[in-house]
N, C-alpha and C. Protein backbone atom coordinates (compact mmCIF):
# COMPACT_ATOMS: atom_id res chain seq x y z
N MET A 1 153.06 109.42 142.39
CA MET A 1 154.06 110.46 142.18
C MET A 1 155.36 110.02 142.84
N PRO A 2 156.41 109.85 142.07
CA PRO A 2 157.70 109.46 142.64
C PRO A 2 158.28 110.56 143.53
N LYS A 3 159.11 110.14 144.49
CA LYS A 3 159.75 111.11 145.39
C LYS A 3 160.80 111.95 144.66
N ILE A 4 161.44 111.36 143.68
CA ILE A 4 162.50 112.05 142.94
C ILE A 4 162.01 112.33 141.53
N ILE A 5 162.14 113.58 141.10
CA ILE A 5 161.79 113.94 139.73
C ILE A 5 162.99 113.63 138.85
N SER A 6 162.85 112.62 138.01
CA SER A 6 163.98 112.22 137.17
C SER A 6 163.63 112.11 135.70
N THR A 7 162.35 112.29 135.36
CA THR A 7 161.93 112.25 133.96
C THR A 7 160.95 113.39 133.69
N ARG A 8 160.72 113.64 132.42
CA ARG A 8 159.75 114.67 132.03
C ARG A 8 158.36 114.30 132.56
N GLU A 9 158.03 113.01 132.49
CA GLU A 9 156.73 112.54 132.99
C GLU A 9 156.59 112.83 134.49
N HIS A 10 157.64 112.60 135.27
CA HIS A 10 157.61 112.91 136.71
C HIS A 10 157.38 114.41 136.92
N LEU A 11 158.01 115.21 136.10
CA LEU A 11 157.87 116.66 136.21
C LEU A 11 156.42 117.09 135.95
N ILE A 12 155.80 116.53 134.93
CA ILE A 12 154.40 116.83 134.61
C ILE A 12 153.49 116.36 135.74
N LEU A 13 153.74 115.16 136.27
CA LEU A 13 152.92 114.65 137.38
C LEU A 13 153.06 115.55 138.61
N TYR A 14 154.27 116.02 138.88
CA TYR A 14 154.49 116.93 140.00
C TYR A 14 153.67 118.21 139.79
N LEU A 15 153.74 118.78 138.59
CA LEU A 15 152.98 120.00 138.30
C LEU A 15 151.48 119.76 138.44
N ALA A 16 151.00 118.65 137.90
CA ALA A 16 149.57 118.35 137.95
C ALA A 16 149.07 118.24 139.39
N SER A 17 149.92 117.76 140.27
CA SER A 17 149.50 117.60 141.67
C SER A 17 149.68 118.87 142.49
N ARG A 18 150.37 119.88 141.95
CA ARG A 18 150.68 121.07 142.75
C ARG A 18 150.19 122.41 142.17
N LEU A 19 149.89 122.46 140.87
CA LEU A 19 149.47 123.74 140.30
C LEU A 19 148.20 124.24 140.99
N PRO A 20 148.15 125.53 141.34
CA PRO A 20 147.03 126.04 142.12
C PRO A 20 145.75 126.32 141.31
N TYR A 21 145.83 126.28 139.98
CA TYR A 21 144.67 126.64 139.16
C TYR A 21 144.30 125.48 138.24
N LYS A 22 143.01 125.15 138.21
CA LYS A 22 142.53 124.02 137.40
C LYS A 22 142.80 124.24 135.91
N TYR A 23 142.70 125.49 135.43
CA TYR A 23 142.93 125.73 134.02
C TYR A 23 144.37 125.43 133.62
N LEU A 24 145.31 125.59 134.54
CA LEU A 24 146.70 125.24 134.24
C LEU A 24 146.89 123.72 134.21
N VAL A 25 146.23 123.01 135.12
CA VAL A 25 146.29 121.55 135.11
C VAL A 25 145.68 121.03 133.81
N LYS A 26 144.56 121.61 133.40
CA LYS A 26 143.93 121.21 132.13
C LYS A 26 144.88 121.47 130.96
N ALA A 27 145.58 122.61 131.00
CA ALA A 27 146.52 122.94 129.92
C ALA A 27 147.69 121.96 129.88
N LEU A 28 148.05 121.37 131.01
CA LEU A 28 149.12 120.37 131.03
C LEU A 28 148.78 119.20 130.12
N TYR A 29 147.50 118.87 130.06
CA TYR A 29 147.07 117.69 129.30
C TYR A 29 146.50 118.03 127.92
N ASP A 30 145.89 119.23 127.79
CA ASP A 30 145.25 119.60 126.52
C ASP A 30 146.03 120.63 125.72
N GLY A 31 146.88 121.38 126.37
CA GLY A 31 147.63 122.44 125.69
C GLY A 31 149.03 121.98 125.32
N GLU A 32 149.95 122.93 125.32
CA GLU A 32 151.35 122.63 125.01
C GLU A 32 152.19 122.79 126.28
N VAL A 33 153.13 121.88 126.46
CA VAL A 33 154.03 121.94 127.61
C VAL A 33 155.46 121.83 127.08
N GLU A 34 156.30 122.76 127.51
CA GLU A 34 157.70 122.74 127.09
C GLU A 34 158.58 122.90 128.32
N ASN A 35 159.46 121.95 128.53
CA ASN A 35 160.45 122.05 129.60
C ASN A 35 161.59 122.92 129.07
N LEU A 36 161.74 124.11 129.65
CA LEU A 36 162.78 125.04 129.20
C LEU A 36 164.14 124.73 129.82
N GLY A 37 164.17 123.75 130.70
CA GLY A 37 165.43 123.33 131.29
C GLY A 37 165.71 124.01 132.61
N SER A 38 166.95 123.96 132.99
CA SER A 38 167.38 124.41 134.31
C SER A 38 167.82 125.88 134.29
N PHE A 39 167.39 126.59 135.33
CA PHE A 39 167.78 127.98 135.52
C PHE A 39 168.34 128.11 136.93
N LYS A 40 169.26 129.06 137.07
CA LYS A 40 169.92 129.28 138.35
C LYS A 40 169.91 130.78 138.65
N SER A 41 169.87 131.13 139.91
CA SER A 41 169.87 132.53 140.33
C SER A 41 171.30 133.02 140.51
N ASP A 42 171.55 134.26 140.11
CA ASP A 42 172.85 134.89 140.35
C ASP A 42 173.05 135.16 141.84
N GLU A 43 171.97 135.60 142.50
CA GLU A 43 172.06 135.99 143.90
C GLU A 43 172.25 134.80 144.84
N ASP A 44 171.61 133.68 144.50
CA ASP A 44 171.69 132.50 145.36
C ASP A 44 172.00 131.28 144.50
N PRO A 45 173.26 130.85 144.43
CA PRO A 45 173.64 129.73 143.57
C PRO A 45 172.94 128.42 143.90
N GLU A 46 172.39 128.32 145.11
CA GLU A 46 171.65 127.11 145.48
C GLU A 46 170.22 127.12 144.94
N PHE A 47 169.76 128.28 144.46
CA PHE A 47 168.40 128.42 143.96
C PHE A 47 168.38 128.01 142.49
N MET A 48 168.05 126.75 142.25
CA MET A 48 168.10 126.19 140.91
C MET A 48 166.88 125.31 140.69
N GLY A 49 166.43 125.23 139.47
CA GLY A 49 165.30 124.36 139.17
C GLY A 49 164.89 124.47 137.71
N TRP A 50 163.78 123.84 137.38
CA TRP A 50 163.28 123.81 136.00
C TRP A 50 162.25 124.90 135.79
N VAL A 51 162.22 125.42 134.57
CA VAL A 51 161.13 126.31 134.16
C VAL A 51 160.36 125.58 133.08
N ILE A 52 159.04 125.55 133.25
CA ILE A 52 158.18 124.87 132.31
C ILE A 52 157.19 125.88 131.75
N ARG A 53 157.11 125.93 130.41
CA ARG A 53 156.11 126.80 129.76
C ARG A 53 154.86 125.97 129.53
N ILE A 54 153.73 126.52 129.96
CA ILE A 54 152.44 125.86 129.78
C ILE A 54 151.59 126.80 128.93
N ARG A 55 151.18 126.32 127.75
CA ARG A 55 150.36 127.15 126.85
C ARG A 55 148.94 126.58 126.84
N THR A 56 147.97 127.44 127.17
CA THR A 56 146.58 127.00 127.18
C THR A 56 146.11 126.77 125.75
N ILE A 57 145.20 125.83 125.58
CA ILE A 57 144.68 125.52 124.25
C ILE A 57 143.72 126.63 123.79
N ILE A 58 142.99 127.19 124.74
CA ILE A 58 142.08 128.30 124.43
C ILE A 58 142.84 129.59 124.69
N GLY A 59 142.93 130.42 123.69
CA GLY A 59 143.61 131.70 123.83
C GLY A 59 145.11 131.66 123.64
N LYS A 60 145.70 130.47 123.63
CA LYS A 60 147.15 130.31 123.43
C LYS A 60 147.96 131.23 124.36
N VAL A 61 147.59 131.23 125.63
CA VAL A 61 148.26 132.06 126.63
C VAL A 61 149.36 131.24 127.29
N ASP A 62 150.55 131.84 127.44
CA ASP A 62 151.67 131.16 128.08
C ASP A 62 151.73 131.49 129.57
N PHE A 63 151.94 130.44 130.35
CA PHE A 63 152.21 130.57 131.78
C PHE A 63 153.52 129.84 132.03
N TYR A 64 154.22 130.25 133.08
CA TYR A 64 155.50 129.63 133.40
C TYR A 64 155.48 129.14 134.84
N ALA A 65 155.99 127.94 135.03
CA ALA A 65 156.10 127.38 136.37
C ALA A 65 157.58 127.13 136.64
N PHE A 66 158.01 127.47 137.83
CA PHE A 66 159.38 127.22 138.25
C PHE A 66 159.34 126.16 139.34
N VAL A 67 159.98 125.03 139.12
CA VAL A 67 160.08 123.98 140.12
C VAL A 67 161.47 124.08 140.74
N HIS A 68 161.50 124.63 141.93
CA HIS A 68 162.76 124.84 142.65
C HIS A 68 163.20 123.52 143.27
N VAL A 69 164.41 123.09 142.95
CA VAL A 69 164.97 121.88 143.54
C VAL A 69 165.63 122.26 144.87
N VAL A 70 164.96 121.97 145.96
CA VAL A 70 165.49 122.27 147.29
C VAL A 70 166.57 121.26 147.63
N ASN A 71 166.25 119.98 147.42
CA ASN A 71 167.24 118.90 147.50
C ASN A 71 166.70 117.76 146.63
N SER A 72 167.35 116.62 146.63
CA SER A 72 166.99 115.57 145.67
C SER A 72 165.59 114.99 145.86
N THR A 73 164.95 115.24 146.99
CA THR A 73 163.59 114.72 147.19
C THR A 73 162.61 115.79 147.63
N HIS A 74 163.00 117.06 147.60
CA HIS A 74 162.11 118.13 148.03
C HIS A 74 162.13 119.26 147.00
N TYR A 75 160.92 119.66 146.58
CA TYR A 75 160.76 120.67 145.54
C TYR A 75 159.72 121.69 145.98
N LYS A 76 159.82 122.89 145.42
CA LYS A 76 158.82 123.93 145.66
C LYS A 76 158.38 124.48 144.31
N LEU A 77 157.10 124.74 144.18
CA LEU A 77 156.53 125.25 142.93
C LEU A 77 156.25 126.74 143.05
N HIS A 78 156.66 127.48 142.02
CA HIS A 78 156.36 128.91 141.91
C HIS A 78 155.75 129.14 140.54
N VAL A 79 154.59 129.78 140.48
CA VAL A 79 154.01 130.17 139.20
C VAL A 79 154.52 131.57 138.90
N LEU A 80 155.17 131.71 137.75
CA LEU A 80 155.80 132.99 137.39
C LEU A 80 154.85 133.84 136.57
N ASP A 81 155.01 135.14 136.68
CA ASP A 81 154.15 136.04 135.92
C ASP A 81 154.79 136.52 134.62
N GLN A 82 155.98 135.99 134.33
CA GLN A 82 156.65 136.37 133.07
C GLN A 82 157.62 135.28 132.65
N ALA A 83 158.06 135.39 131.41
CA ALA A 83 159.02 134.42 130.86
C ALA A 83 160.34 134.51 131.62
N PRO A 84 161.11 133.44 131.62
CA PRO A 84 162.39 133.47 132.35
C PRO A 84 163.41 134.37 131.67
N VAL A 85 164.39 134.79 132.43
CA VAL A 85 165.52 135.56 131.91
C VAL A 85 166.55 134.55 131.43
N TRP A 86 166.80 134.55 130.11
CA TRP A 86 167.60 133.48 129.51
C TRP A 86 169.06 133.48 129.95
N LYS A 87 169.58 134.59 130.42
CA LYS A 87 170.98 134.58 130.84
C LYS A 87 171.20 133.67 132.05
N TYR A 88 170.12 133.28 132.73
CA TYR A 88 170.22 132.39 133.89
C TYR A 88 170.03 130.92 133.53
N TRP A 89 169.85 130.61 132.24
CA TRP A 89 169.70 129.21 131.81
C TRP A 89 171.04 128.51 131.96
N VAL A 90 171.05 127.35 132.61
CA VAL A 90 172.28 126.60 132.84
C VAL A 90 172.15 125.14 132.37
N GLY A 91 171.19 124.88 131.53
CA GLY A 91 170.95 123.52 131.07
C GLY A 91 172.12 122.88 130.35
N ASP A 92 172.95 123.69 129.70
CA ASP A 92 174.10 123.13 128.98
C ASP A 92 175.21 122.68 129.92
N LYS A 93 175.10 123.01 131.19
CA LYS A 93 176.12 122.61 132.16
C LYS A 93 175.73 121.30 132.86
N CYS A 94 174.64 120.69 132.42
CA CYS A 94 174.12 119.48 133.04
C CYS A 94 174.13 118.32 132.05
N GLU A 95 174.48 117.16 132.52
CA GLU A 95 174.44 115.95 131.69
C GLU A 95 173.02 115.41 131.58
N ASN A 96 172.22 115.59 132.62
CA ASN A 96 170.87 115.06 132.67
C ASN A 96 169.98 115.79 131.66
N GLU A 97 169.33 115.04 130.79
CA GLU A 97 168.49 115.63 129.74
C GLU A 97 167.34 116.45 130.31
N LEU A 98 166.83 116.07 131.45
CA LEU A 98 165.73 116.82 132.05
C LEU A 98 166.17 118.25 132.37
N TYR A 99 167.40 118.42 132.81
CA TYR A 99 167.93 119.75 133.12
C TYR A 99 168.26 120.53 131.85
N ARG A 100 168.53 119.84 130.76
CA ARG A 100 168.86 120.50 129.50
C ARG A 100 167.62 121.08 128.84
N GLY A 101 166.45 120.50 129.10
CA GLY A 101 165.21 120.99 128.51
C GLY A 101 164.89 120.30 127.21
N ASP A 102 163.76 120.66 126.63
CA ASP A 102 163.27 120.01 125.41
C ASP A 102 164.07 120.39 124.16
N HIS A 103 164.59 121.63 124.11
CA HIS A 103 165.31 122.12 122.93
C HIS A 103 166.58 122.88 123.35
N PRO A 104 167.57 122.18 123.89
CA PRO A 104 168.74 122.87 124.47
C PRO A 104 169.52 123.74 123.49
N ASP A 105 169.59 123.36 122.21
CA ASP A 105 170.33 124.19 121.25
C ASP A 105 169.68 125.57 121.10
N ARG A 106 168.35 125.59 121.07
CA ARG A 106 167.63 126.86 120.96
C ARG A 106 167.82 127.69 122.22
N TYR A 107 167.78 127.05 123.38
CA TYR A 107 167.94 127.79 124.64
C TYR A 107 169.35 128.35 124.78
N PHE A 108 170.33 127.60 124.31
CA PHE A 108 171.72 128.08 124.33
C PHE A 108 171.83 129.38 123.52
N LYS A 109 171.20 129.39 122.33
CA LYS A 109 171.24 130.60 121.49
C LYS A 109 170.53 131.77 122.15
N LEU A 110 169.38 131.49 122.80
CA LEU A 110 168.66 132.56 123.49
C LEU A 110 169.50 133.15 124.63
N ARG A 111 170.21 132.28 125.35
CA ARG A 111 171.07 132.78 126.43
C ARG A 111 172.21 133.62 125.86
N GLU A 112 172.85 133.13 124.81
CA GLU A 112 173.96 133.87 124.20
C GLU A 112 173.50 135.22 123.68
N GLN A 113 172.33 135.26 123.06
CA GLN A 113 171.77 136.52 122.57
C GLN A 113 171.58 137.51 123.71
N GLU A 114 171.00 137.04 124.79
CA GLU A 114 170.74 137.91 125.93
C GLU A 114 172.04 138.40 126.58
N LEU A 115 173.01 137.52 126.69
CA LEU A 115 174.29 137.90 127.27
C LEU A 115 175.02 138.91 126.39
N ASN A 116 174.93 138.75 125.08
CA ASN A 116 175.62 139.67 124.16
C ASN A 116 174.92 141.01 124.03
N ASN A 117 173.61 141.05 124.28
CA ASN A 117 172.85 142.30 124.15
C ASN A 117 172.72 143.03 125.48
N GLY A 118 173.06 142.36 126.56
CA GLY A 118 172.80 142.94 127.88
C GLY A 118 173.99 143.48 128.51
């Protein structure tokens, strides 16, 4: 496991080594994994990281993991109980593809929709 998460593969390896439930680790390899890109908190601008959707192969249940970037070599994992709030997506403000997520055009539209409806 590299010290710095700089690729999608590094992100998956980090999750596999830190997720607290075996069924989520299994879903990383057998289910669907989508990097939703970078999200930031309104309350704390330093609170930023990736949200990853993990869909189990059995039951097609979605789980979300938030990898908080504390600094360039230190991360914290949070398993979320709900989908992210799209108005906090900031992937389009980053040059790094990992921060943009797997489908940045779709995420941009989801954020715009939420901002216009909220």
